[in-house]
C-alpha atoms as a PDB file:
ATOM      1  CA  MET A   1      24.443  -4.979  -8.642  1.00  0.00           C
ATOM      2  CA  ASN A   2      21.196  -3.385  -7.469  1.00  0.00           C
ATOM      3  CA  PHE A   3      19.488  -2.151  -4.313  1.00  0.00           C
ATOM      4  CA  GLY A   4      17.762  -5.461  -3.619  1.00  0.00           C
ATOM      5  CA  THR A   5      21.040  -7.352  -3.863  1.00  0.00           C
ATOM      6  CA  LEU A   6      22.687  -5.028  -1.373  1.00  0.00           C
ATOM      7  CA  LYS A   7      19.739  -5.288   1.008  1.00  0.00           C
ATOM      8  CA  GLN A   8      20.001  -9.073   0.872  1.00  0.00           C
ATOM      9  CA  TYR A   9      23.753  -8.889   1.436  1.00  0.00           C
ATOM     10  CA  VAL A  10      23.239  -6.859   4.624  1.00  0.00           C
ATOM     11  CA  THR A  11      20.513  -9.287   5.735  1.00  0.00           C
ATOM     12  CA  ASP A  12      22.897 -12.202   5.257  1.00  0.00           C
ATOM     13  CA  GLN A  13      25.597 -10.409   7.259  1.00  0.00           C
ATOM     14  CA  LEU A  14      23.220  -9.808  10.170  1.00  0.00           C
ATOM     15  CA  THR A  15      21.962 -13.403  10.041  1.00  0.00           C
ATOM     16  CA  GLN A  16      25.529 -14.709  10.115  1.00  0.00           C
ATOM     17  CA  SER A  17      26.309 -12.373  12.997  1.00  0.00           C
ATOM     18  CA  LEU A  18      23.435 -13.794  15.046  1.00  0.00           C
ATOM     19  CA  LEU A  19      24.540 -17.338  14.309  1.00  0.00           C
ATOM     20  CA  THR A  20      28.212 -16.821  15.181  1.00  0.00           C
ATOM     21  CA  GLU A  21      27.830 -14.073  17.824  1.00  0.00           C
ATOM     22  CA  SER A  22      30.190 -11.944  15.738  1.00  0.00           C
ATOM     23  CA  LYS A  23      29.792  -8.170  16.008  1.00  0.00           C
ATOM     24  CA  ASP A  24      30.835  -7.513  12.403  1.00  0.00           C
ATOM     25  CA  GLY A  25      27.473  -8.268  10.820  1.00  0.00           C
ATOM     26  CA  LYS A  26      25.652  -6.191  13.399  1.00  0.00           C
ATOM     27  CA  LYS A  27      27.937  -3.234  12.700  1.00  0.00           C
ATOM     28  CA  ILE A  28      27.297  -3.541   8.955  1.00  0.00           C
ATOM     29  CA  PHE A  29      23.552  -3.733   9.585  1.00  0.00           C
ATOM     30  CA  GLU A  30      23.516  -0.686  11.869  1.00  0.00           C
ATOM     31  CA  SER A  31      25.680   1.317   9.482  1.00  0.00           C
ATOM     32  CA  PHE A  32      23.477   0.348   6.543  1.00  0.00           C
ATOM     33  CA  MET A  33      20.285   1.347   8.353  1.00  0.00           C
ATOM     34  CA  LYS A  34      21.802   4.639   9.432  1.00  0.00           C
ATOM     35  CA  GLN A  35      22.725   5.396   5.825  1.00  0.00           C
ATOM     36  CA  ILE A  36      19.226   4.484   4.641  1.00  0.00           C
ATOM     37  CA  LYS A  37      17.527   6.733   7.186  1.00  0.00           C
ATOM     38  CA  LEU A  38      19.637   9.711   6.138  1.00  0.00           C
ATOM     39  CA  SER A  39      18.289   9.616   2.576  1.00  0.00           C
ATOM     40  CA  ASP A  40      14.648   9.956   1.494  1.00  0.00           C
ATOM     41  CA  ILE A  41      15.581   8.326  -1.813  1.00  0.00           C
ATOM     42  CA  LEU A  42      17.069   5.241  -0.144  1.00  0.00           C
ATOM     43  CA  LYS A  43      14.206   5.003   2.344  1.00  0.00           C
ATOM     44  CA  THR A  44      11.738   5.048  -0.546  1.00  0.00           C
ATOM     45  CA  GLN A  45      13.609   2.325  -2.429  1.00  0.00           C
ATOM     46  CA  PHE A  46      13.806   0.276   0.762  1.00  0.00           C
ATOM     47  CA  LYS A  47      10.064   0.592   1.215  1.00  0.00           C
ATOM     48  CA  ILE A  48       9.301  -0.381  -2.393  1.00  0.00           C
ATOM     49  CA  PHE A  49      11.482  -3.499  -2.320  1.00  0.00           C
ATOM     50  CA  GLY A  50      10.117  -4.526   1.082  1.00  0.00           C
ATOM     51  CA  ASN A  51       6.499  -3.985   0.037  1.00  0.00           C
ATOM     52  CA  ILE A  52       6.774  -6.024  -3.127  1.00  0.00           C
ATOM     53  CA  GLU A  53       9.081  -8.933  -2.319  1.00  0.00           C
ATOM     54  CA  ASN A  54       6.834 -10.431   0.378  1.00  0.00           C
ATOM     55  CA  GLN A  55       3.505  -9.682  -1.306  1.00  0.00           C
ATOM     56  CA  PHE A  56       1.041 -12.096  -2.869  1.00  0.00           C
ATOM     57  CA  ILE A  57      -2.019 -10.789  -4.727  1.00  0.00           C
ATOM     58  CA  LYS A  58      -4.012 -13.239  -6.789  1.00  0.00           C
ATOM     59  CA  ASP A  59      -6.146 -10.682  -8.649  1.00  0.00           C
ATOM     60  CA  GLU A  60      -4.263  -9.211 -11.637  1.00  0.00           C
ATOM     61  CA  LEU A  61      -6.007  -5.830 -11.536  1.00  0.00           C
ATOM     62  CA  LYS A  62      -5.285  -5.375  -7.822  1.00  0.00           C
ATOM     63  CA  ALA A  63      -1.711  -6.581  -8.254  1.00  0.00           C
ATOM     64  CA  THR A  64      -1.161  -4.114 -11.117  1.00  0.00           C
ATOM     65  CA  ARG A  65      -2.542  -1.273  -9.029  1.00  0.00           C
ATOM     66  CA  TYR A  66      -0.359  -2.305  -6.088  1.00  0.00           C
ATOM     67  CA  ILE A  67       2.818  -2.235  -8.206  1.00  0.00           C
ATOM     68  CA  ASN A  68       1.925   1.141  -9.690  1.00  0.00           C
ATOM     69  CA  GLU A  69       1.224   2.649  -6.282  1.00  0.00           C
ATOM     70  CA  ASN A  70       4.628   1.532  -5.050  1.00  0.00           C
ATOM     71  CA  ILE A  71       6.577   2.570  -8.143  1.00  0.00           C
ATOM     72  CA  ASN A  72       4.861   5.971  -8.085  1.00  0.00           C
ATOM     73  CA  LEU A  73       6.549   6.638  -4.736  1.00  0.00           C
ATOM     74  CA  ILE A  74       9.891   7.069  -6.515  1.00  0.00           C
ATOM     75  CA  LYS A  75       8.629   9.491  -9.194  1.00  0.00           C
ATOM     76  CA  LYS A  76       9.196  12.557  -7.025  1.00  0.00           C
ATOM     77  CA  PHE A  77      12.964  12.047  -7.271  1.00  0.00           C
ATOM     78  CA  LYS A  78      15.272  12.768 -10.196  1.00  0.00           C
ATOM     79  CA  TYR A  79      16.979   9.928 -12.018  1.00  0.00           C
ATOM     80  CA  LYS A  80      20.488  11.317 -11.514  1.00  0.00           C
ATOM     81  CA  ASP A  81      19.881  11.764  -7.767  1.00  0.00           C
ATOM     82  CA  ILE A  82      18.764   8.146  -7.388  1.00  0.00           C
ATOM     83  CA  ILE A  83      21.811   6.884  -9.250  1.00  0.00           C
ATOM     84  CA  GLN A  84      24.075   9.091  -7.130  1.00  0.00           C
ATOM     85  CA  GLU A  85      22.569   7.970  -3.811  1.00  0.00           C
ATOM     86  CA  SER A  86      22.687   4.325  -4.839  1.00  0.00           C
ATOM     87  CA  LYS A  87      26.321   4.589  -5.926  1.00  0.00           C
ATOM     88  CA  LYS A  88      27.329   6.086  -2.571  1.00  0.00           C
ATOM     89  CA  LEU A  89      25.589   3.229  -0.789  1.00  0.00           C
ATOM     90  CA  PHE A  90      27.170   0.527  -2.952  1.00  0.00           C
ATOM     91  CA  ASP A  91      30.653   2.036  -2.628  1.00  0.00           C
ATOM     92  CA  LYS A  92      30.330   2.176   1.152  1.00  0.00           C
ATOM     93  CA  PHE A  93      29.259  -1.424   1.664  1.00  0.00           C
ATOM     94  CA  PHE A  94      31.306  -3.348  -0.889  1.00  0.00           C
ATOM     95  CA  ILE A  95      35.044  -3.300  -0.228  1.00  0.00           C
ATOM     96  CA  LYS A  96      37.364  -3.649  -3.228  1.00  0.00           C
ATOM     97  CA  GLU A  97      38.142  -7.344  -2.920  1.00  0.00           C
ATOM     98  CA  ASN A  98      34.417  -8.176  -2.817  1.00  0.00           C
ATOM     99  CA  LYS A  99      33.233  -5.988  -5.669  1.00  0.00           C
ATOM    100  CA  GLU A 100      33.360  -8.846  -8.145  1.00  0.00           C
ATOM    101  CA  GLN A 101      31.890 -11.322  -5.678  1.00  0.00           C
ATOM    102  CA  CYS A 102      28.570  -9.682  -4.900  1.00  0.00           C
ATOM    103  CA  PRO A 103      25.667 -12.013  -4.084  1.00  0.00           C
ATOM    104  CA  CYS A 104      23.718 -13.041  -7.198  1.00  0.00           C
ATOM    105  CA  SER A 105      20.734 -10.798  -7.912  1.00  0.00           C
ATOM    106  CA  THR A 106      17.400 -12.527  -7.899  1.00  0.00           C
ATOM    107  CA  LYS A 107      15.070 -12.100 -10.843  1.00  0.00           C
ATOM    108  CA  LEU A 108      12.771  -9.918  -8.757  1.00  0.00           C
ATOM    109  CA  TYR A 109      15.554  -7.575  -7.654  1.00  0.00           C
ATOM    110  CA  GLU A 110      16.797  -7.193 -11.219  1.00  0.00           C
ATOM    111  CA  ASN A 111      13.350  -6.428 -12.596  1.00  0.00           C
ATOM    112  CA  LEU A 112      12.427  -4.027  -9.812  1.00  0.00           C
ATOM    113  CA  ASP A 113      15.675  -2.168 -10.364  1.00  0.00           C
ATOM    114  CA  ILE A 114      15.003  -1.912 -14.110  1.00  0.00           C
ATOM    115  CA  LEU A 115      11.378  -0.880 -13.555  1.00  0.00           C
ATOM    116  CA  ILE A 116      12.341   1.914 -11.153  1.00  0.00           C
ATOM    117  CA  LYS A 117      15.067   3.249 -13.452  1.00  0.00           C
ATOM    118  CA  GLU A 118      12.913   3.103 -16.595  1.00  0.00           C
ATOM    119  CA  THR A 119      10.029   4.788 -14.737  1.00  0.00           C
ATOM    120  CA  ILE A 120      12.088   7.865 -13.819  1.00  0.00           C
ATOM    121  CA  SER A 121      14.440   7.921 -16.797  1.00  0.00           C
ATOM    122  CA  ASN A 122      14.266  10.904 -19.153  1.00  0.00           C
ATOM    123  CA  ASN A 123      14.666   8.477 -22.026  1.00  0.00           C
ATOM    124  CA  PRO A 124      12.953   5.229 -20.978  1.00  0.00           C
ATOM    125  CA  ASP A 125      13.102   2.022 -22.965  1.00  0.00           C
ATOM    126  CA  PRO A 126       9.450   0.933 -23.473  1.00  0.00           C
ATOM    127  CA  TYR A 127      10.375  -2.736 -23.943  1.00  0.00           C
ATOM    128  CA  LYS A 128      12.496  -2.877 -20.754  1.00  0.00           C
ATOM    129  CA  LYS A 129       9.789  -1.128 -18.765  1.00  0.00           C
ATOM    130  CA  TYR A 130       7.023  -3.399 -20.083  1.00  0.00           C
ATOM    131  CA  ASN A 131       9.042  -6.579 -19.646  1.00  0.00           C
ATOM    132  CA  SER A 132      10.237  -5.753 -16.120  1.00  0.00           C
ATOM    133  CA  PHE A 133       6.710  -4.768 -15.046  1.00  0.00           C
ATOM    134  CA  ASN A 134       5.303  -8.077 -16.280  1.00  0.00           C
ATOM    135  CA  ASN A 135       7.998 -10.020 -14.443  1.00  0.00           C
ATOM    136  CA  VAL A 136       7.261  -8.170 -11.188  1.00  0.00           C
ATOM    137  CA  LEU A 137       3.536  -8.737 -11.751  1.00  0.00           C
ATOM    138  CA  GLU A 138       4.120 -12.447 -12.291  1.00  0.00           C
ATOM    139  CA  TYR A 139       6.123 -12.595  -9.050  1.00  0.00           C
ATOM    140  CA  ILE A 140       3.389 -10.926  -6.975  1.00  0.00           C
ATOM    141  CA  MET A 141       0.678 -13.139  -8.456  1.00  0.00           C
ATOM    142  CA  THR A 142       2.618 -16.312  -7.664  1.00  0.00           C
ATOM    143  CA  GLU A 143       1.915 -17.759  -4.234  1.00  0.00           C
ATOM    144  CA  ASN A 144       5.216 -18.759  -2.706  1.00  0.00           C
ATOM    145  CA  THR A 145       5.665 -19.819   0.916  1.00  0.00           C
ATOM    146  CA  SER A 146       9.298 -18.714   0.782  1.00  0.00           C
ATOM    147  CA  LYS A 147       8.068 -15.117   0.648  1.00  0.00           C
ATOM    148  CA  LYS A 148       6.936 -15.524   4.244  1.00  0.00           C
ATOM    149  CA  GLU A 149      10.314 -16.943   5.223  1.00  0.00           C
ATOM    150  CA  GLN A 150      12.536 -14.356   3.546  1.00  0.00           C
ATOM    151  CA  ASP A 151      14.629 -12.108   5.737  1.00  0.00           C
ATOM    152  CA  ASN A 152      13.168  -8.672   5.338  1.00  0.00           C
ATOM    153  CA  TYR A 153      12.670  -5.471   7.296  1.00  0.00           C
ATOM    154  CA  LYS A 154       9.647  -3.498   8.371  1.00  0.00           C
ATOM    155  CA  ILE A 155       9.734   0.265   8.641  1.00  0.00           C
ATOM    156  CA  VAL A 156       7.870   1.487  11.709  1.00  0.00           C
ATOM    157  CA  ASN A 157       7.971   5.167  12.601  1.00  0.00           C
ATOM    158  CA  GLU A 158      11.274   5.652  10.778  1.00  0.00           C
ATOM    159  CA  THR A 159      12.802   2.696  12.638  1.00  0.00           C
ATOM    160  CA  PHE A 160      13.850  -0.481  10.839  1.00  0.00           C
ATOM    161  CA  PHE A 161      13.059  -3.838  12.412  1.00  0.00           C
ATOM    162  CA  PRO A 162      14.440  -7.139  11.105  1.00  0.00           C
ATOM    163  CA  THR A 163      11.772  -9.842  10.839  1.00  0.00           C
ATOM    164  CA  SER A 164      11.180 -13.539  10.053  1.00  0.00           C
ATOM    165  CA  LYS A 165      14.248 -15.788  10.341  1.00  0.00           C
ATOM    166  CA  ILE A 166      16.399 -13.172  12.092  1.00  0.00           C
ATOM    167  CA  ILE A 167      13.887 -12.730  14.916  1.00  0.00           C
ATOM    168  CA  GLU A 168      13.370 -16.483  15.129  1.00  0.00           C
ATOM    169  CA  MET A 169      17.100 -17.109  15.499  1.00  0.00           C
ATOM    170  CA  ALA A 170      17.539 -14.307  18.023  1.00  0.00           C
ATOM    171  CA  ILE A 171      14.702 -15.668  20.181  1.00  0.00           C
ATOM    172  CA  LYS A 172      16.082 -19.199  19.935  1.00  0.00           C
ATOM    173  CA  LYS A 173      19.508 -17.992  21.054  1.00  0.00           C
ATOM    174  CA  PHE A 174      17.889 -16.032  23.882  1.00  0.00           C
ATOM    175  CA  ASN A 175      15.921 -19.075  25.037  1.00  0.00           C
ATOM    176  CA  ASN A 176      19.023 -21.266  24.994  1.00  0.00           C
ATOM    177  CA  LYS A 177      21.133 -18.736  26.867  1.00  0.00           C
ATOM    178  CA  TYR A 178      18.452 -17.898  29.423  1.00  0.00           C
ATOM    179  CA  SER A 179      16.751 -21.267  29.776  1.00  0.00           C
ATOM    180  CA  TYR A 180      16.008 -20.527  33.410  1.00  0.00           C
ATOM    181  CA  PHE A 181      13.527 -17.791  32.379  1.00  0.00           C
ATOM    182  CA  ASN A 182       9.882 -18.802  32.723  1.00  0.00           C
ATOM    183  CA  GLU A 183       7.485 -18.920  29.770  1.00  0.00           C
ATOM    184  CA  ASN A 184       5.922 -15.543  30.576  1.00  0.00           C
ATOM    185  CA  GLU A 185       9.336 -13.855  30.544  1.00  0.00           C
ATOM    186  CA  LYS A 186      10.215 -15.471  27.222  1.00  0.00           C
ATOM    187  CA  GLN A 187       6.897 -14.335  25.723  1.00  0.00           C
ATOM    188  CA  ILE A 188       7.479 -10.805  27.020  1.00  0.00           C
ATOM    189  CA  PHE A 189      10.882 -10.727  25.347  1.00  0.00           C
ATOM    190  CA  LYS A 190       9.432 -12.075  22.091  1.00  0.00           C
ATOM    191  CA  VAL A 191       6.681  -9.461  21.718  1.00  0.00           C
ATOM    192  CA  LEU A 192       9.033  -6.639  22.716  1.00  0.00           C
ATOM    193  CA  PHE A 193      11.631  -7.769  20.174  1.00  0.00           C
ATOM    194  CA  GLU A 194       9.026  -8.039  17.409  1.00  0.00           C
ATOM    195  CA  ASN A 195       7.393  -4.736  18.428  1.00  0.00           C
ATOM    196  CA  ASN A 196       4.093  -6.624  18.265  1.00  0.00           C
ATOM    197  CA  ASN A 197       1.405  -4.385  19.811  1.00  0.00           C
ATOM    198  CA  SER A 198      -1.386  -6.970  19.709  1.00  0.00           C
ATOM    199  CA  GLY A 199       1.000  -9.544  21.167  1.00  0.00           C
ATOM    200  CA  LYS A 200       1.986  -7.147  23.950  1.00  0.00           C
ATOM    201  CA  GLN A 201      -1.638  -6.654  24.933  1.00  0.00           C
ATOM    202  CA  GLN A 202      -2.295 -10.403  24.874  1.00  0.00           C
ATOM    203  CA  ILE A 203       0.608 -11.172  27.224  1.00  0.00           C
ATOM    204  CA  PHE A 204      -0.454  -8.237  29.458  1.00  0.00           C
ATOM    205  CA  ASP A 205      -4.015  -9.581  29.707  1.00  0.00           C
ATOM    206  CA  LYS A 206      -2.745 -13.137  30.252  1.00  0.00           C
ATOM    207  CA  ILE A 207      -0.449 -12.293  33.178  1.00  0.00           C
ATOM    208  CA  LYS A 208      -3.018  -9.921  34.657  1.00  0.00           C
ATOM    209  CA  LYS A 209      -5.668 -12.668  34.601  1.00  0.00           C
ATOM    210  CA  GLU A 210      -3.250 -15.198  36.100  1.00  0.00           C
ATOM    211  CA  ASN A 211      -2.482 -12.818  38.967  1.00  0.00           C
ATOM    212  CA  ILE A 212      -6.148 -12.107  39.668  1.00  0.00           C
ATOM    213  CA  ASN A 213      -6.954 -15.823  39.703  1.00  0.00           C
ATOM    214  CA  ASN A 214      -4.032 -16.507  42.045  1.00  0.00           C
ATOM    215  CA  ILE A 215      -5.143 -13.751  44.419  1.00  0.00           C
ATOM    216  CA  LYS A 216      -8.713 -15.076  44.474  1.00  0.00           C
ATOM    217  CA  ARG A 217      -7.377 -18.516  45.319  1.00  0.00           C
ATOM    218  CA  LYS A 218      -5.242 -17.073  48.144  1.00  0.00           C
ATOM    219  CA  ILE A 219      -8.260 -15.246  49.558  1.00  0.00           C
ATOM    220  CA  VAL A 220     -10.281 -18.464  49.640  1.00  0.00           C
ATOM    221  CA  GLU A 221      -7.413 -20.375  51.251  1.00  0.00           C
ATOM    222  CA  SER A 222      -6.537 -17.709  53.825  1.00  0.00           C
ATOM    223  CA  ASP A 223      -7.829 -17.753  57.399  1.00  0.00           C
ATOM    224  CA  ASP A 224      -6.276 -14.365  58.101  1.00  0.00           C
ATOM    225  CA  GLU A 225      -8.949 -11.671  57.731  1.00  0.00           C
ATOM    226  CA  LYS A 226      -6.433  -8.817  57.512  1.00  0.00           C
ATOM    227  CA  LEU A 227      -4.454 -10.606  54.834  1.00  0.00           C
ATOM    228  CA  SER A 228      -7.656 -11.321  52.915  1.00  0.00           C
ATOM    229  CA  ASP A 229      -8.592  -7.621  53.025  1.00  0.00           C
ATOM    230  CA  LYS A 230      -5.175  -6.639  51.669  1.00  0.00           C
ATOM    231  CA  LEU A 231      -5.436  -9.222  48.915  1.00  0.00           C
ATOM    232  CA  LYS A 232      -8.862  -7.894  47.941  1.00  0.00           C
ATOM    233  CA  LEU A 233      -7.402  -4.403  47.584  1.00  0.00           C
ATOM    234  CA  VAL A 234      -4.666  -5.788  45.336  1.00  0.00           C
ATOM    235  CA  GLU A 235      -7.298  -7.635  43.315  1.00  0.00           C
ATOM    236  CA  GLU A 236      -9.295  -4.422  42.850  1.00  0.00           C
ATOM    237  CA  LYS A 237      -6.198  -2.535  41.765  1.00  0.00           C
ATOM    238  CA  LEU A 238      -5.279  -5.247  39.284  1.00  0.00           C
ATOM    239  CA  SER A 239      -8.814  -5.367  37.890  1.00  0.00           C
ATOM    240  CA  SER A 240      -8.683  -1.638  37.219  1.00  0.00           C
ATOM    241  CA  MET A 241      -5.407  -1.886  35.276  1.00  0.00           C
ATOM    242  CA  ASP A 242      -5.781  -1.354  31.539  1.00  0.00           C
ATOM    243  CA  TYR A 243      -3.277  -1.943  28.769  1.00  0.00           C
ATOM    244  CA  ASN A 244      -1.335   1.260  28.131  1.00  0.00           C
ATOM    245  CA  GLU A 245       1.280   1.338  25.387  1.00  0.00           C
ATOM    246  CA  GLU A 246       3.245   4.179  26.999  1.00  0.00           C
ATOM    247  CA  ASN A 247       3.562   2.416  30.360  1.00  0.00           C
ATOM    248  CA  TYR A 248       3.725  -1.114  28.985  1.00  0.00           C
ATOM    249  CA  ILE A 249       7.233  -2.080  30.073  1.00  0.00           C
ATOM    250  CA  GLU A 250       6.768  -0.742  33.601  1.00  0.00           C
ATOM    251  CA  ASP A 251       3.347  -2.412  33.976  1.00  0.00           C
ATOM    252  CA  ILE A 252       4.380  -5.786  32.562  1.00  0.00           C
ATOM    253  CA  VAL A 253       7.445  -5.916  34.808  1.00  0.00           C
ATOM    254  CA  LYS A 254       5.228  -5.274  37.861  1.00  0.00           C
ATOM    255  CA  LEU A 255       2.718  -7.912  36.782  1.00  0.00           C
ATOM    256  CA  ASN A 256       5.422 -10.466  36.119  1.00  0.00           C
ATOM    257  CA  LYS A 257       7.118  -9.741  39.444  1.00  0.00           C
ATOM    258  CA  LEU A 258       3.801 -10.228  41.227  1.00  0.00           C
ATOM    259  CA  SER A 259       3.203 -13.535  39.450  1.00  0.00           C
ATOM    260  CA  LEU A 260       6.570 -14.826  40.718  1.00  0.00           C
ATOM    261  CA  GLY A 261       5.288 -14.443  44.276  1.00  0.00           C
ATOM    262  CA  PHE A 262       2.655 -17.143  43.843  1.00  0.00           C
END
């Protein structure tokens, strides 16, 4: 068993939880992430596995440099400390009856695990290190669409976010459960869930533009001068609104609420 195998196990538990609406997988996921964030060693391993397993680099020199840069992240830790931290993690998340039924390790996970251990070992095996490095290099240099579809996690400001299939399933479940939500509301939920800053700005600009266009249309259609003056003030205020990350949720809720009035 290795770190990559355990990470995949937790991913599978969370995926199953989203599919069945069971709370068990979510609890395992949250507990796992909490344990990871408490240890610099585990956070570093998490980052290395995440960086490499979804990467494709065609150029051998660049791919070699990329692997080295990632593996070098673990060199600041002692071998015995890494083994100790990993053991605590494995013991916590594999109950006795499942210890002999762990998910099968992929070739990448096995080789990354060997490469990390041989890199920090006081008595490394040159053949194991060379062989594992070449296997990881071959993986990175092989274009594989499944890399884009794998369940993985991104680390953003010390917070872990599940991506790919997990997000897709969660959004699908949300859309089915709240089918009465309009498209803007579904898009707002999607970009918030993915923590997608560029997406958040795009939906902000889209709803803002829709509101301004609706107000302009109302002004043209209105015969009430006072109402037209009020609408022009609203239009000016909207035009002066800029995307602000800190106030995003408050602003987007206001914009969406205004759009519902048209």
